[in-house]
Protein backbone atom coordinates (compact mmCIF):
# COMPACT_ATOMS: atom_id res chain seq x y z
CA THR A 1 79.64 205.14 36.39
CA ASN A 2 77.71 202.13 36.57
CA CYS A 3 78.54 200.80 39.78
CA ILE A 4 77.62 197.14 39.69
CA HIS A 5 76.51 196.25 43.38
CA ARG A 6 77.27 192.73 43.74
CA ARG A 7 75.49 190.37 46.21
CA GLU A 8 78.18 188.30 48.24
CA ALA A 9 76.19 184.97 48.73
CA LYS A 10 76.41 183.89 52.02
CA SER A 11 77.89 180.58 52.27
CA VAL A 12 75.89 177.96 54.30
CA ARG A 13 77.42 175.20 56.52
CA VAL A 14 75.80 172.22 55.96
CA PRO A 15 76.93 170.14 59.09
CA ARG A 16 78.46 166.74 58.38
CA PRO A 17 76.75 163.82 59.98
CA PRO A 18 78.36 162.93 62.80
CA GLN A 19 81.20 160.13 62.09
CA VAL A 20 80.63 156.64 63.82
CA LEU A 21 83.99 155.24 65.30
CA LYS A 22 84.32 152.06 64.66
CA PRO A 23 85.69 150.47 67.85
CA VAL A 24 88.46 148.64 66.39
CA VAL A 25 90.07 151.94 65.57
CA GLY A 26 91.00 152.86 69.18
CA PHE A 27 92.54 149.46 70.03
CA GLN A 28 94.44 149.62 66.86
CA LEU A 29 95.82 153.27 67.83
CA ILE A 30 97.00 151.57 71.16
CA LEU A 31 98.74 148.62 69.53
CA ARG A 32 100.38 150.94 66.91
CA HIS A 33 101.69 153.83 69.82
CA ARG A 34 103.95 152.25 72.62
CA TYR A 35 103.02 154.91 75.07
CA LEU A 36 99.33 154.53 74.57
CA LEU A 37 100.12 150.78 75.27
CA LEU A 38 102.18 151.18 78.23
CA ILE A 39 99.56 153.26 79.65
CA ALA A 40 97.02 150.64 79.09
CA PHE A 41 99.24 148.39 80.58
CA LEU A 42 99.81 150.17 83.50
CA ILE A 43 95.90 150.66 84.12
CA LEU A 44 95.32 146.93 83.88
CA LEU A 45 97.92 145.96 86.24
CA SER A 46 96.69 148.91 88.55
CA ASN A 47 93.08 147.43 88.37
CA VAL A 48 94.07 143.80 89.13
CA VAL A 49 96.27 145.08 92.31
CA THR A 50 93.09 147.11 93.23
CA SER A 51 90.84 143.99 92.98
CA THR A 52 93.07 141.58 94.59
CA GLY A 53 93.21 143.61 97.44
CA GLU A 54 89.44 144.43 97.12
CA PHE A 55 89.16 140.07 97.42
CA ILE A 56 91.50 140.15 100.11
CA LEU A 57 89.30 142.58 102.08
CA GLY A 58 85.94 140.77 101.52
CA LYS A 59 87.30 137.63 102.67
CA PHE A 60 88.63 139.28 106.33
CA VAL A 61 85.51 141.17 106.80
CA THR A 62 83.39 138.43 106.04
CA GLU A 63 85.84 135.83 108.46
CA GLN A 64 85.52 138.89 111.02
CA ALA A 65 81.83 138.86 110.72
CA ASN A 66 81.13 135.27 111.23
CA ALA A 67 83.33 135.15 113.98
CA LEU A 68 81.59 138.66 115.56
CA ALA A 69 77.83 137.36 115.12
CA ALA A 70 78.39 133.46 116.31
CA ALA A 71 80.15 135.39 119.60
CA SER A 72 77.19 137.63 120.03
CA GLY A 73 74.49 135.27 119.48
CA ARG A 74 71.14 136.16 118.86
CA ASN A 75 71.64 139.17 121.23
CA GLY A 76 73.90 140.89 119.14
CA MET A 77 74.68 142.27 115.53
CA SER A 78 74.14 139.99 112.38
CA ARG A 79 76.47 139.12 109.89
CA GLN A 80 75.08 141.58 107.26
CA ASP A 81 74.95 144.25 110.05
CA TYR A 82 78.48 144.02 110.60
CA ILE A 83 79.44 144.01 107.09
CA GLY A 84 77.17 147.11 106.23
CA LYS A 85 78.71 148.80 109.64
CA PHE A 86 82.46 147.76 108.31
CA TYR A 87 81.80 149.06 104.82
CA SER A 88 79.91 152.25 105.87
CA ASP A 89 82.84 153.29 107.69
CA PHE A 90 85.55 152.01 105.44
CA TYR A 91 83.90 154.37 102.61
CA PHE A 92 83.74 157.17 105.00
CA TRP A 93 87.34 157.38 105.89
CA GLY A 94 88.97 156.54 102.51
CA ASN A 95 86.82 159.15 101.27
CA LEU A 96 87.76 161.41 103.74
CA LEU A 97 91.39 160.65 103.20
CA GLY A 98 91.08 160.67 99.61
CA ALA A 99 89.34 164.38 99.51
CA GLY A 100 92.11 165.62 101.93
CA LEU A 101 94.57 164.59 99.96
CA GLN A 102 93.27 166.01 97.27
CA MET A 103 92.74 169.32 98.79
CA PHE A 104 96.16 169.67 100.57
CA ALA A 105 98.66 167.24 98.77
CA VAL A 106 97.97 166.53 95.56
CA SER A 107 98.82 169.37 93.47
CA ARG A 108 102.31 169.73 95.88
CA ILE A 109 103.18 166.02 94.98
CA MET A 110 102.28 166.63 91.28
CA LYS A 111 104.46 169.63 91.10
CA ARG A 112 107.41 168.54 92.98
CA THR A 113 107.83 165.06 91.88
CA GLY A 114 106.16 164.90 88.66
CA ILE A 115 103.70 162.87 86.73
CA GLY A 116 105.95 159.39 86.73
CA PRO A 117 106.75 159.60 90.37
CA ALA A 118 103.28 160.41 91.39
CA LEU A 119 101.88 157.29 89.52
CA PHE A 120 104.36 155.39 91.34
CA PHE A 121 103.36 156.51 94.75
CA LEU A 122 100.35 154.06 95.00
CA PRO A 123 101.75 151.04 93.82
CA MET A 124 104.55 151.28 96.30
CA LEU A 125 102.08 151.84 99.03
CA SER A 126 100.40 148.84 97.99
CA LEU A 127 103.18 146.92 97.54
CA ALA A 128 104.56 147.71 100.97
CA GLY A 129 101.26 146.97 102.42
CA TYR A 130 101.02 143.52 100.92
CA MET A 131 103.97 142.77 102.21
CA MET A 132 103.74 143.71 105.48
CA LEU A 133 100.22 141.85 105.22
CA SER A 134 102.01 138.77 104.70
CA PHE A 135 103.57 138.82 107.82
CA VAL A 136 100.79 140.74 110.07
CA PRO A 137 97.48 139.37 108.90
CA LEU A 138 95.15 141.47 111.25
CA PHE A 139 91.71 142.61 110.62
CA SER A 140 92.83 145.91 111.60
CA PHE A 141 96.12 146.06 109.42
CA VAL A 142 94.26 145.19 106.04
CA ARG A 143 91.53 147.77 107.30
CA ALA A 144 94.25 150.51 107.14
CA ILE A 145 95.84 149.48 104.07
CA LYS A 146 92.74 149.59 102.20
CA ILE A 147 91.88 152.81 103.37
CA ALA A 148 95.04 154.08 102.46
CA GLU A 149 94.78 152.40 99.13
CA HIS A 150 91.37 153.58 98.49
CA GLY A 151 92.05 156.91 99.61
CA THR A 152 95.29 157.43 97.45
CA ASP A 153 93.84 156.15 94.05
CA TYR A 154 90.46 158.34 94.08
CA SER A 155 92.66 161.32 94.62
CA LEU A 156 96.36 161.00 93.34
CA GLN A 157 95.62 158.44 90.85
CA ASN A 158 92.98 159.88 89.40
CA THR A 159 94.48 163.00 88.73
CA ALA A 160 97.60 161.33 87.63
CA ARG A 161 96.28 158.92 85.34
CA PRO A 162 94.46 161.68 83.05
CA ALA A 163 97.78 163.56 83.34
CA LEU A 164 99.54 160.94 81.18
CA PHE A 165 97.60 161.95 78.09
CA LEU A 166 98.03 165.87 77.51
CA ARG A 167 101.36 164.91 75.44
CA THR A 168 99.48 163.18 73.22
CA SER A 169 97.51 163.80 69.88
CA ARG A 170 94.02 164.83 70.28
CA GLU A 171 93.35 161.20 68.35
CA ALA A 172 95.17 159.20 71.11
CA LYS A 173 93.38 161.64 73.89
CA TYR A 174 90.06 160.80 72.46
CA LYS A 175 89.92 157.40 70.66
CA GLY A 176 92.61 155.82 72.73
CA LYS A 177 91.36 156.70 76.31
CA THR A 178 88.39 155.76 75.35
CA ALA A 179 89.40 152.43 74.84
CA ILE A 180 91.88 151.92 77.70
CA ASP A 181 89.18 153.09 79.40
């Protein structure tokens, strides 16, 4: 018997050149899917509220720094020193709160309430804080509201927002999320 040995040719895979995505693709995807459009509006609204709060805080800090610099005269701290000290303290406490929330509260909140209610925690905190601020416009109160908002934004919100994309398609995760961001 003749044995015919066949050599199987190894298939060589030629890598495809990377597909260049057009920026329009992500935006078209968002406009076609209501769920992605709602996520985009949520993030836009969140950014507007946060930016407005930052503007209010900046205005209060500047006014406070001007008043304290004028009261202390030449012997005290300058306006820039007051602003620098305020923001260093502000970010320290905001980051400490955010880290504490992330370590001890976020997973429990997400488990007990789910993604939807967890997303509304920051807007409710901001709404309550700014409503109370309209009645009690004190510098220390603005500072406390913004520290709580900052800590919650960088812990709970930054966990809940990407979780919205868990139930979407692969295309929505990569193209839609990138366009929304």
